[in-house]
Amino acid sequence: MKLLFLVPLAGVLLSGCSMWRNPHDPAHNKQYVVVVNAMTWPNSATGQVDGRRTVWPLEQLGNHEEIFPLAQLKHCPPALPCAWGVLSASRNVTRYNYEAGGVTLDLGMTVDVHRRQQDRRRNSHTSIAVPADVPAISYQRVLQESVSLPYGKVYTVEMDYGIKYQLCAQRMDAAGRPLDKCDIPPI
């Protein structure tokens, strides 16, 4: 009889544990966290910074892949003809956790530059290619790491050919106003 009483009690206690939030979760103070991220590169025609900057609520990032748009890159070494390449890049966050003063993310990033790239999505198909008679760039970078992001501090990954990835965690109040400044400018 005692065993029958303990089984439902254990179930109630375990379900109550799942309702406890991480003590560092800003929701205790009626706040939430967004993640600002940007992939940038030099525009092949103008040389100015080009790219994509997005802002995501932290809760939406678990197992979320973001695919950045295809882009043309140009590299002109001294005394050699310019080489061209097509950039394909994606970012994935597989896990996040609140910590004192920030968050920790398991970040995966893939950057691939080659002569030809395709982007197939549900509603569109994009393909960019460098002609066969033009010198081509070939570059790959794969990153898998746990990243600690103090609120308002920008984490930066510099890559070849002027490619840069930036990431920043920012607390927001209940009205949606930022409480931390992330110095990742709009593109």
N, C-alpha and C. Protein backbone atom coordinates (compact mmCIF):
# COMPACT_ATOMS: atom_id res chain seq x y z
N MET A 1 0.82 -1.20 0.00
CA MET A 1 0.00 0.00 0.00
C MET A 1 0.86 1.27 0.00
N LYS A 2 1.95 1.25 0.79
CA LYS A 2 2.84 2.42 0.82
C LYS A 2 3.44 2.67 -0.55
N LEU A 3 3.77 1.61 -1.28
CA LEU A 3 4.36 1.75 -2.60
C LEU A 3 3.39 2.44 -3.57
N LEU A 4 2.12 2.11 -3.51
CA LEU A 4 1.13 2.73 -4.38
C LEU A 4 0.98 4.22 -4.09
N PHE A 5 1.19 4.63 -2.86
CA PHE A 5 1.12 6.04 -2.49
C PHE A 5 2.37 6.79 -2.98
N LEU A 6 3.52 6.15 -2.95
CA LEU A 6 4.78 6.81 -3.32
C LEU A 6 4.92 7.04 -4.82
N VAL A 7 4.35 6.18 -5.65
CA VAL A 7 4.47 6.33 -7.10
C VAL A 7 3.82 7.63 -7.58
N PRO A 8 2.56 7.95 -7.20
CA PRO A 8 2.00 9.24 -7.64
C PRO A 8 2.74 10.42 -7.03
N LEU A 9 3.19 10.31 -5.79
CA LEU A 9 3.93 11.39 -5.14
C LEU A 9 5.22 11.68 -5.90
N ALA A 10 5.93 10.62 -6.31
CA ALA A 10 7.16 10.80 -7.07
C ALA A 10 6.87 11.49 -8.41
N GLY A 11 5.78 11.13 -9.06
CA GLY A 11 5.40 11.76 -10.33
C GLY A 11 5.14 13.25 -10.16
N VAL A 12 4.45 13.63 -9.10
CA VAL A 12 4.17 15.04 -8.83
C VAL A 12 5.47 15.80 -8.57
N LEU A 13 6.37 15.22 -7.80
CA LEU A 13 7.64 15.88 -7.50
C LEU A 13 8.49 16.05 -8.75
N LEU A 14 8.56 15.03 -9.60
CA LEU A 14 9.36 15.13 -10.82
C LEU A 14 8.77 16.14 -11.79
N SER A 15 7.45 16.21 -11.91
CA SER A 15 6.86 17.20 -12.82
C SER A 15 7.07 18.61 -12.27
N GLY A 16 7.08 18.77 -10.96
CA GLY A 16 7.35 20.07 -10.36
C GLY A 16 8.77 20.53 -10.62
N CYS A 17 9.72 19.60 -10.67
CA CYS A 17 11.12 19.95 -10.95
C CYS A 17 11.27 20.53 -12.34
N SER A 18 10.50 20.03 -13.30
CA SER A 18 10.63 20.52 -14.66
C SER A 18 10.11 21.95 -14.79
N MET A 19 9.31 22.41 -13.85
CA MET A 19 8.79 23.78 -13.92
C MET A 19 9.78 24.78 -13.35
N TRP A 20 10.78 24.34 -12.62
CA TRP A 20 11.78 25.26 -12.07
C TRP A 20 12.67 25.75 -13.19
N ARG A 21 12.83 27.03 -13.25
CA ARG A 21 13.68 27.61 -14.29
C ARG A 21 15.12 27.70 -13.80
N ASN A 22 16.00 27.80 -14.75
CA ASN A 22 17.41 28.05 -14.46
C ASN A 22 17.48 29.34 -13.63
N PRO A 23 18.25 29.36 -12.55
CA PRO A 23 18.30 30.57 -11.72
C PRO A 23 18.85 31.79 -12.46
N HIS A 24 19.54 31.58 -13.59
CA HIS A 24 20.09 32.71 -14.35
C HIS A 24 19.19 33.15 -15.51
N ASP A 25 18.04 32.50 -15.65
CA ASP A 25 17.10 32.85 -16.72
C ASP A 25 16.52 34.24 -16.43
N PRO A 26 16.68 35.20 -17.35
CA PRO A 26 16.16 36.55 -17.14
C PRO A 26 14.64 36.62 -17.02
N ALA A 27 13.94 35.54 -17.34
CA ALA A 27 12.48 35.54 -17.22
C ALA A 27 12.06 35.80 -15.77
N HIS A 28 12.93 35.50 -14.81
CA HIS A 28 12.63 35.81 -13.41
C HIS A 28 12.38 37.31 -13.21
N ASN A 29 13.01 38.12 -14.06
CA ASN A 29 12.88 39.59 -13.97
C ASN A 29 12.01 40.15 -15.10
N LYS A 30 11.14 39.28 -15.67
CA LYS A 30 10.27 39.68 -16.78
C LYS A 30 11.08 40.18 -17.98
N GLN A 31 12.18 39.50 -18.26
CA GLN A 31 13.04 39.82 -19.39
C GLN A 31 13.16 38.56 -20.27
N TYR A 32 13.64 38.75 -21.48
CA TYR A 32 13.95 37.62 -22.35
C TYR A 32 15.23 37.94 -23.10
N VAL A 33 15.78 36.95 -23.77
CA VAL A 33 17.07 37.10 -24.45
C VAL A 33 16.89 36.90 -25.95
N VAL A 34 17.53 37.79 -26.72
CA VAL A 34 17.61 37.63 -28.16
C VAL A 34 19.09 37.46 -28.53
N VAL A 35 19.32 36.83 -29.65
CA VAL A 35 20.68 36.67 -30.16
C VAL A 35 20.77 37.39 -31.50
N VAL A 36 21.70 38.33 -31.56
CA VAL A 36 21.97 39.09 -32.78
C VAL A 36 23.13 38.39 -33.48
N ASN A 37 22.97 38.06 -34.75
CA ASN A 37 24.09 37.47 -35.47
C ASN A 37 24.17 38.03 -36.88
N ALA A 38 25.41 38.09 -37.39
CA ALA A 38 25.62 38.65 -38.72
C ALA A 38 26.75 37.90 -39.42
N MET A 39 26.55 37.63 -40.68
CA MET A 39 27.59 37.11 -41.56
C MET A 39 27.85 38.22 -42.57
N THR A 40 29.11 38.69 -42.66
CA THR A 40 29.44 39.77 -43.58
C THR A 40 30.61 39.37 -44.47
N TRP A 41 30.71 40.07 -45.59
CA TRP A 41 31.79 39.85 -46.56
C TRP A 41 31.90 41.12 -47.39
N PRO A 42 33.04 41.33 -48.07
CA PRO A 42 33.15 42.50 -48.95
C PRO A 42 32.35 42.29 -50.23
N ASN A 43 31.55 43.27 -50.58
CA ASN A 43 30.77 43.20 -51.81
C ASN A 43 31.75 43.15 -52.98
N SER A 44 31.57 42.19 -53.88
CA SER A 44 32.53 41.99 -54.98
C SER A 44 32.54 43.15 -55.97
N ALA A 45 31.49 43.93 -56.06
CA ALA A 45 31.44 45.06 -56.99
C ALA A 45 31.94 46.36 -56.36
N THR A 46 31.57 46.61 -55.09
CA THR A 46 31.90 47.89 -54.46
C THR A 46 33.02 47.81 -53.43
N GLY A 47 33.27 46.62 -52.89
CA GLY A 47 34.27 46.48 -51.82
C GLY A 47 33.73 46.84 -50.45
N GLN A 48 32.51 47.39 -50.39
CA GLN A 48 31.92 47.75 -49.10
C GLN A 48 31.35 46.51 -48.42
N VAL A 49 31.08 46.63 -47.12
CA VAL A 49 30.56 45.50 -46.35
C VAL A 49 29.16 45.13 -46.82
N ASP A 50 28.97 43.86 -47.06
CA ASP A 50 27.68 43.32 -47.46
C ASP A 50 27.39 42.15 -46.52
N GLY A 51 26.18 41.66 -46.49
CA GLY A 51 25.89 40.50 -45.64
C GLY A 51 24.47 40.45 -45.18
N ARG A 52 24.31 39.73 -44.07
CA ARG A 52 22.98 39.57 -43.49
C ARG A 52 23.09 39.60 -41.98
N ARG A 53 22.20 40.36 -41.34
CA ARG A 53 22.12 40.47 -39.89
C ARG A 53 20.72 40.09 -39.47
N THR A 54 20.61 39.19 -38.49
CA THR A 54 19.30 38.77 -38.00
C THR A 54 19.28 38.80 -36.48
N VAL A 55 18.07 38.83 -35.94
CA VAL A 55 17.87 38.80 -34.49
C VAL A 55 16.85 37.71 -34.21
N TRP A 56 17.20 36.79 -33.30
CA TRP A 56 16.33 35.66 -32.96
C TRP A 56 16.11 35.57 -31.47
N PRO A 57 14.87 35.33 -31.02
CA PRO A 57 14.67 35.01 -29.60
C PRO A 57 15.45 33.74 -29.27
N LEU A 58 16.13 33.72 -28.13
CA LEU A 58 16.98 32.59 -27.77
C LEU A 58 16.23 31.27 -27.81
N GLU A 59 14.99 31.23 -27.34
CA GLU A 59 14.24 29.98 -27.30
C GLU A 59 14.02 29.39 -28.69
N GLN A 60 14.06 30.22 -29.75
CA GLN A 60 13.85 29.72 -31.10
C GLN A 60 15.12 29.16 -31.73
N LEU A 61 16.26 29.30 -31.05
CA LEU A 61 17.53 28.88 -31.65
C LEU A 61 17.86 27.41 -31.45
N GLY A 62 17.25 26.73 -30.49
CA GLY A 62 17.57 25.32 -30.28
C GLY A 62 17.29 24.51 -31.53
N ASN A 63 18.32 23.87 -32.07
CA ASN A 63 18.24 23.07 -33.30
C ASN A 63 17.72 23.87 -34.49
N HIS A 64 18.11 25.13 -34.56
CA HIS A 64 17.68 26.00 -35.65
C HIS A 64 18.86 26.29 -36.57
N GLU A 65 18.68 26.03 -37.85
CA GLU A 65 19.72 26.34 -38.83
C GLU A 65 19.33 27.60 -39.58
N GLU A 66 20.27 28.51 -39.69
CA GLU A 66 20.06 29.70 -40.51
C GLU A 66 20.99 29.61 -41.71
N ILE A 67 20.42 29.73 -42.89
CA ILE A 67 21.19 29.68 -44.12
C ILE A 67 21.32 31.10 -44.64
N PHE A 68 22.55 31.55 -44.80
CA PHE A 68 22.80 32.90 -45.30
C PHE A 68 22.71 32.90 -46.83
N PRO A 69 22.41 34.05 -47.43
CA PRO A 69 22.26 34.08 -48.89
C PRO A 69 23.60 33.82 -49.60
N LEU A 70 23.52 33.25 -50.79
CA LEU A 70 24.71 33.06 -51.60
C LEU A 70 25.28 34.44 -51.96
N ALA A 71 26.60 34.51 -52.07
CA ALA A 71 27.24 35.79 -52.40
C ALA A 71 28.50 35.55 -53.22
N GLN A 72 28.81 36.49 -54.09
CA GLN A 72 30.04 36.42 -54.86
C GLN A 72 31.16 37.11 -54.10
N LEU A 73 32.33 36.50 -54.12
CA LEU A 73 33.53 37.08 -53.52
C LEU A 73 34.56 37.31 -54.61
N LYS A 74 35.42 38.31 -54.40
CA LYS A 74 36.50 38.60 -55.35
C LYS A 74 37.78 38.79 -54.55
N HIS A 75 38.86 38.18 -55.04
CA HIS A 75 40.17 38.33 -54.40
C HIS A 75 41.18 38.69 -55.49
N CYS A 76 41.83 39.84 -55.31
CA CYS A 76 42.78 40.32 -56.32
C CYS A 76 44.18 40.41 -55.71
N PRO A 77 44.97 39.33 -55.78
CA PRO A 77 46.33 39.39 -55.27
C PRO A 77 47.21 40.28 -56.17
N PRO A 78 48.25 40.88 -55.60
CA PRO A 78 49.13 41.75 -56.40
C PRO A 78 49.75 40.99 -57.58
N ALA A 79 49.77 41.62 -58.74
CA ALA A 79 50.40 41.12 -59.96
C ALA A 79 49.78 39.83 -60.49
N LEU A 80 48.59 39.47 -60.03
CA LEU A 80 47.89 38.28 -60.52
C LEU A 80 46.46 38.66 -60.91
N PRO A 81 45.84 37.88 -61.77
CA PRO A 81 44.44 38.18 -62.10
C PRO A 81 43.54 37.94 -60.89
N CYS A 82 42.45 38.64 -60.84
CA CYS A 82 41.49 38.47 -59.75
C CYS A 82 40.85 37.09 -59.82
N ALA A 83 40.61 36.51 -58.67
CA ALA A 83 39.91 35.23 -58.57
C ALA A 83 38.54 35.49 -57.96
N TRP A 84 37.58 34.69 -58.36
CA TRP A 84 36.21 34.85 -57.90
C TRP A 84 35.74 33.55 -57.24
N GLY A 85 34.77 33.68 -56.35
CA GLY A 85 34.18 32.51 -55.71
C GLY A 85 32.77 32.81 -55.27
N VAL A 86 32.03 31.75 -54.96
CA VAL A 86 30.65 31.90 -54.49
C VAL A 86 30.61 31.38 -53.05
N LEU A 87 30.14 32.23 -52.15
CA LEU A 87 30.06 31.92 -50.73
C LEU A 87 28.72 31.29 -50.39
N SER A 88 28.77 30.16 -49.69
CA SER A 88 27.59 29.52 -49.11
C SER A 88 27.90 29.34 -47.63
N ALA A 89 27.01 29.80 -46.75
CA ALA A 89 27.28 29.73 -45.31
C ALA A 89 26.00 29.43 -44.54
N SER A 90 26.16 28.71 -43.44
CA SER A 90 25.03 28.43 -42.55
C SER A 90 25.50 28.40 -41.11
N ARG A 91 24.55 28.64 -40.21
CA ARG A 91 24.82 28.65 -38.77
C ARG A 91 23.76 27.80 -38.08
N ASN A 92 24.18 27.02 -37.09
CA ASN A 92 23.26 26.17 -36.36
C ASN A 92 23.57 26.27 -34.87
N VAL A 93 22.53 26.37 -34.05
CA VAL A 93 22.68 26.33 -32.60
C VAL A 93 21.94 25.09 -32.13
N THR A 94 22.67 24.15 -31.52
CA THR A 94 22.04 22.90 -31.11
C THR A 94 21.60 22.92 -29.66
N ARG A 95 22.19 23.79 -28.84
CA ARG A 95 21.83 23.83 -27.42
C ARG A 95 22.19 25.21 -26.88
N TYR A 96 21.43 25.66 -25.90
CA TYR A 96 21.77 26.90 -25.20
C TYR A 96 21.49 26.71 -23.72
N ASN A 97 22.15 27.54 -22.90
CA ASN A 97 21.96 27.49 -21.46
C ASN A 97 22.23 28.88 -20.88
N TYR A 98 21.41 29.28 -19.93
CA TYR A 98 21.64 30.55 -19.24
C TYR A 98 22.75 30.35 -18.22
N GLU A 99 23.61 31.34 -18.09
CA GLU A 99 24.66 31.33 -17.08
C GLU A 99 24.70 32.72 -16.44
N ALA A 100 25.43 32.86 -15.36
CA ALA A 100 25.51 34.17 -14.69
C ALA A 100 26.07 35.20 -15.67
N GLY A 101 25.29 36.22 -15.99
CA GLY A 101 25.75 37.31 -16.84
C GLY A 101 25.73 37.04 -18.33
N GLY A 102 25.12 35.93 -18.78
CA GLY A 102 25.07 35.66 -20.20
C GLY A 102 24.49 34.30 -20.52
N VAL A 103 24.84 33.81 -21.70
CA VAL A 103 24.37 32.50 -22.15
C VAL A 103 25.54 31.73 -22.76
N THR A 104 25.37 30.42 -22.83
CA THR A 104 26.32 29.55 -23.53
C THR A 104 25.56 28.87 -24.66
N LEU A 105 26.16 28.88 -25.85
CA LEU A 105 25.55 28.26 -27.03
C LEU A 105 26.48 27.21 -27.60
N ASP A 106 25.93 26.10 -28.08
CA ASP A 106 26.69 25.16 -28.89
C ASP A 106 26.49 25.59 -30.33
N LEU A 107 27.52 26.16 -30.91
CA LEU A 107 27.45 26.80 -32.22
C LEU A 107 28.11 25.92 -33.27
N GLY A 108 27.43 25.76 -34.38
CA GLY A 108 28.00 25.10 -35.54
C GLY A 108 27.90 26.04 -36.72
N MET A 109 28.99 26.16 -37.47
CA MET A 109 28.98 27.06 -38.61
C MET A 109 29.75 26.41 -39.75
N THR A 110 29.22 26.54 -40.95
CA THR A 110 29.87 26.02 -42.14
C THR A 110 29.98 27.14 -43.16
N VAL A 111 31.20 27.36 -43.65
CA VAL A 111 31.45 28.36 -44.68
C VAL A 111 32.14 27.63 -45.83
N ASP A 112 31.61 27.80 -47.02
CA ASP A 112 32.13 27.09 -48.19
C ASP A 112 32.19 28.07 -49.36
N VAL A 113 33.38 28.25 -49.92
CA VAL A 113 33.56 29.12 -51.09
C VAL A 113 34.14 28.27 -52.21
N HIS A 114 33.42 28.22 -53.33
CA HIS A 114 33.87 27.46 -54.50
C HIS A 114 33.40 28.15 -55.77
N ARG A 115 33.70 27.53 -56.89
CA ARG A 115 33.33 28.07 -58.20
C ARG A 115 31.82 28.11 -58.40
N ARG A 116 31.10 27.14 -57.82
CA ARG A 116 29.66 27.03 -58.06
C ARG A 116 28.96 26.66 -56.75
N GLN A 117 27.82 27.27 -56.48
CA GLN A 117 27.02 26.95 -55.30
C GLN A 117 25.54 26.96 -55.68
N GLN A 118 24.77 26.15 -54.95
CA GLN A 118 23.32 26.12 -55.11
C GLN A 118 22.67 26.27 -53.75
N ASP A 119 21.52 26.89 -53.73
CA ASP A 119 20.73 27.03 -52.51
C ASP A 119 19.31 26.59 -52.86
N ARG A 120 18.93 25.45 -52.35
CA ARG A 120 17.58 24.93 -52.61
C ARG A 120 16.77 25.04 -51.33
N ARG A 121 15.74 25.82 -51.40
CA ARG A 121 14.80 25.96 -50.28
C ARG A 121 13.42 25.60 -50.77
N ARG A 122 12.50 25.57 -49.84
CA ARG A 122 11.15 25.14 -50.16
C ARG A 122 10.55 25.87 -51.35
N ASN A 123 10.65 27.20 -51.37
CA ASN A 123 9.97 27.99 -52.40
C ASN A 123 10.90 28.56 -53.46
N SER A 124 12.21 28.29 -53.37
CA SER A 124 13.10 28.90 -54.35
C SER A 124 14.33 28.03 -54.56
N HIS A 125 14.97 28.27 -55.67
CA HIS A 125 16.20 27.60 -56.03
C HIS A 125 17.12 28.67 -56.62
N THR A 126 18.30 28.83 -56.04
CA THR A 126 19.26 29.82 -56.51
C THR A 126 20.56 29.12 -56.84
N SER A 127 21.19 29.53 -57.92
CA SER A 127 22.47 28.96 -58.32
C SER A 127 23.35 30.09 -58.83
N ILE A 128 24.60 30.12 -58.39
CA ILE A 128 25.57 31.11 -58.86
C ILE A 128 26.84 30.35 -59.24
N ALA A 129 27.43 30.72 -60.36
CA ALA A 129 28.64 30.05 -60.81
C ALA A 129 29.62 31.07 -61.39
N VAL A 130 30.90 30.79 -61.19
CA VAL A 130 31.98 31.57 -61.79
C VAL A 130 32.33 30.87 -63.11
N PRO A 131 32.46 31.63 -64.22
CA PRO A 131 32.79 31.00 -65.50
C PRO A 131 34.08 30.18 -65.43
N ALA A 132 34.16 29.15 -66.24
CA ALA A 132 35.29 28.22 -66.21
C ALA A 132 36.62 28.89 -66.59
N ASP A 133 36.58 29.98 -67.35
CA ASP A 133 37.84 30.62 -67.78
C ASP A 133 38.32 31.70 -66.79
N VAL A 134 37.66 31.83 -65.63
CA VAL A 134 38.03 32.82 -64.62
C VAL A 134 38.65 32.07 -63.43
N PRO A 135 39.78 32.57 -62.89
CA PRO A 135 40.35 31.93 -61.71
C PRO A 135 39.34 31.89 -60.57
N ALA A 136 39.32 30.78 -59.82
CA ALA A 136 38.31 30.60 -58.77
C ALA A 136 38.95 30.48 -57.40
N ILE A 137 38.21 30.94 -56.39
CA ILE A 137 38.59 30.82 -54.99
C ILE A 137 38.02 29.52 -54.45
N SER A 138 38.81 28.85 -53.62
CA SER A 138 38.32 27.67 -52.93
C SER A 138 38.70 27.80 -51.45
N TYR A 139 37.68 27.78 -50.58
CA TYR A 139 37.93 27.97 -49.14
C TYR A 139 36.82 27.29 -48.36
N GLN A 140 37.18 26.61 -47.29
CA GLN A 140 36.19 26.00 -46.41
C GLN A 140 36.58 26.24 -44.96
N ARG A 141 35.56 26.42 -44.13
CA ARG A 141 35.77 26.55 -42.69
C ARG A 141 34.56 25.95 -42.00
N VAL A 142 34.82 25.01 -41.09
CA VAL A 142 33.77 24.39 -40.30
C VAL A 142 34.11 24.65 -38.84
N LEU A 143 33.13 25.14 -38.10
CA LEU A 143 33.34 25.48 -36.69
C LEU A 143 32.27 24.77 -35.87
N GLN A 144 32.70 24.05 -34.85
CA GLN A 144 31.79 23.42 -33.88
C GLN A 144 32.38 23.72 -32.52
N GLU A 145 31.72 24.58 -31.74
CA GLU A 145 32.26 24.90 -30.43
C GLU A 145 31.18 25.43 -29.51
N SER A 146 31.48 25.34 -28.22
CA SER A 146 30.61 25.93 -27.21
C SER A 146 31.10 27.35 -26.98
N VAL A 147 30.19 28.31 -27.11
CA VAL A 147 30.55 29.72 -27.03
C VAL A 147 29.86 30.35 -25.82
N SER A 148 30.63 30.98 -24.96
CA SER A 148 30.08 31.72 -23.83
C SER A 148 29.90 33.17 -24.26
N LEU A 149 28.66 33.67 -24.15
CA LEU A 149 28.35 35.03 -24.58
C LEU A 149 27.89 35.87 -23.40
N PRO A 150 28.78 36.69 -22.80
CA PRO A 150 28.29 37.64 -21.80
C PRO A 150 27.35 38.62 -22.50
N TYR A 151 26.30 39.04 -21.81
CA TYR A 151 25.32 39.95 -22.41
C TYR A 151 26.01 41.21 -22.92
N GLY A 152 25.73 41.56 -24.18
CA GLY A 152 26.25 42.79 -24.77
C GLY A 152 27.66 42.68 -25.33
N LYS A 153 28.33 41.56 -25.22
CA LYS A 153 29.69 41.39 -25.76
C LYS A 153 29.61 40.64 -27.08
N VAL A 154 30.30 41.15 -28.07
CA VAL A 154 30.25 40.57 -29.42
C VAL A 154 31.34 39.51 -29.56
N TYR A 155 30.93 38.31 -30.00
CA TYR A 155 31.84 37.22 -30.32
C TYR A 155 32.06 37.27 -31.83
N THR A 156 33.34 37.28 -32.27
CA THR A 156 33.66 37.45 -33.68
C THR A 156 34.54 36.31 -34.17
N VAL A 157 34.23 35.82 -35.36
CA VAL A 157 35.07 34.84 -36.06
C VAL A 157 35.50 35.49 -37.37
N GLU A 158 36.80 35.78 -37.49
CA GLU A 158 37.36 36.35 -38.72
C GLU A 158 37.82 35.21 -39.61
N MET A 159 37.52 35.29 -40.89
CA MET A 159 37.90 34.25 -41.84
C MET A 159 38.61 34.86 -43.04
N ASP A 160 39.10 34.01 -43.91
CA ASP A 160 39.78 34.46 -45.12
C ASP A 160 38.81 35.21 -46.03
N TYR A 161 39.39 36.01 -46.93
CA TYR A 161 38.66 36.76 -47.95
C TYR A 161 37.69 37.79 -47.38
N GLY A 162 37.94 38.23 -46.15
CA GLY A 162 37.12 39.28 -45.53
C GLY A 162 35.80 38.80 -44.97
N ILE A 163 35.60 37.49 -44.89
CA ILE A 163 34.36 36.95 -44.33
C ILE A 163 34.43 37.07 -42.81
N LYS A 164 33.32 37.51 -42.21
CA LYS A 164 33.29 37.66 -40.76
C LYS A 164 31.92 37.24 -40.23
N TYR A 165 31.94 36.53 -39.09
CA TYR A 165 30.70 36.15 -38.41
C TYR A 165 30.71 36.76 -37.02
N GLN A 166 29.61 37.40 -36.62
CA GLN A 166 29.49 38.01 -35.31
C GLN A 166 28.22 37.54 -34.62
N LEU A 167 28.31 37.41 -33.29
CA LEU A 167 27.21 36.88 -32.49
C LEU A 167 27.20 37.62 -31.16
N CYS A 168 26.00 37.96 -30.66
CA CYS A 168 25.88 38.70 -29.41
C CYS A 168 24.53 38.38 -28.75
N ALA A 169 24.54 38.17 -27.43
CA ALA A 169 23.31 37.94 -26.67
C ALA A 169 22.89 39.25 -26.01
N GLN A 170 21.60 39.52 -26.05
CA GLN A 170 21.08 40.79 -25.55
C GLN A 170 19.78 40.54 -24.77
N ARG A 171 19.72 41.07 -23.54
CA ARG A 171 18.49 40.98 -22.76
C ARG A 171 17.52 42.07 -23.20
N MET A 172 16.24 41.71 -23.20
CA MET A 172 15.19 42.66 -23.55
C MET A 172 14.21 42.72 -22.39
N ASP A 173 13.65 43.92 -22.12
CA ASP A 173 12.65 44.02 -21.06
C ASP A 173 11.30 43.56 -21.59
N ALA A 174 10.30 43.54 -20.74
CA ALA A 174 8.97 43.03 -21.11
C ALA A 174 8.35 43.82 -22.25
N ALA A 175 8.73 45.09 -22.41
CA ALA A 175 8.20 45.93 -23.48
C ALA A 175 9.01 45.78 -24.78
N GLY A 176 10.06 44.95 -24.78
CA GLY A 176 10.86 44.75 -25.98
C GLY A 176 11.98 45.74 -26.17
N ARG A 177 12.34 46.47 -25.12
CA ARG A 177 13.46 47.42 -25.20
C ARG A 177 14.75 46.72 -24.78
N PRO A 178 15.86 46.96 -25.52
CA PRO A 178 17.12 46.30 -25.17
C PRO A 178 17.70 46.83 -23.87
N LEU A 179 18.21 45.91 -23.05
CA LEU A 179 18.89 46.28 -21.81
C LEU A 179 20.41 46.23 -21.97
N ASP A 180 20.87 45.62 -23.04
CA ASP A 180 22.30 45.53 -23.34
C ASP A 180 22.50 46.04 -24.76
N LYS A 181 23.70 46.54 -25.05
CA LYS A 181 24.01 47.04 -26.39
C LYS A 181 24.89 46.03 -27.10
N CYS A 182 24.44 45.58 -28.25
CA CYS A 182 25.23 44.70 -29.11
C CYS A 182 25.75 45.52 -30.27
N ASP A 183 27.07 45.70 -30.33
CA ASP A 183 27.67 46.52 -31.39
C ASP A 183 27.86 45.72 -32.68
N ILE A 184 26.74 45.28 -33.24
CA ILE A 184 26.72 44.65 -34.56
C ILE A 184 25.79 45.52 -35.41
N PRO A 185 26.36 46.41 -36.22
CA PRO A 185 25.50 47.37 -36.94
C PRO A 185 24.64 46.71 -37.99
N PRO A 186 23.49 47.32 -38.30
CA PRO A 186 22.67 46.84 -39.42
C PRO A 186 23.48 46.91 -40.71
N ILE A 187 23.16 46.06 -41.65
CA ILE A 187 23.91 46.00 -42.91
C ILE A 187 23.08 46.66 -44.00
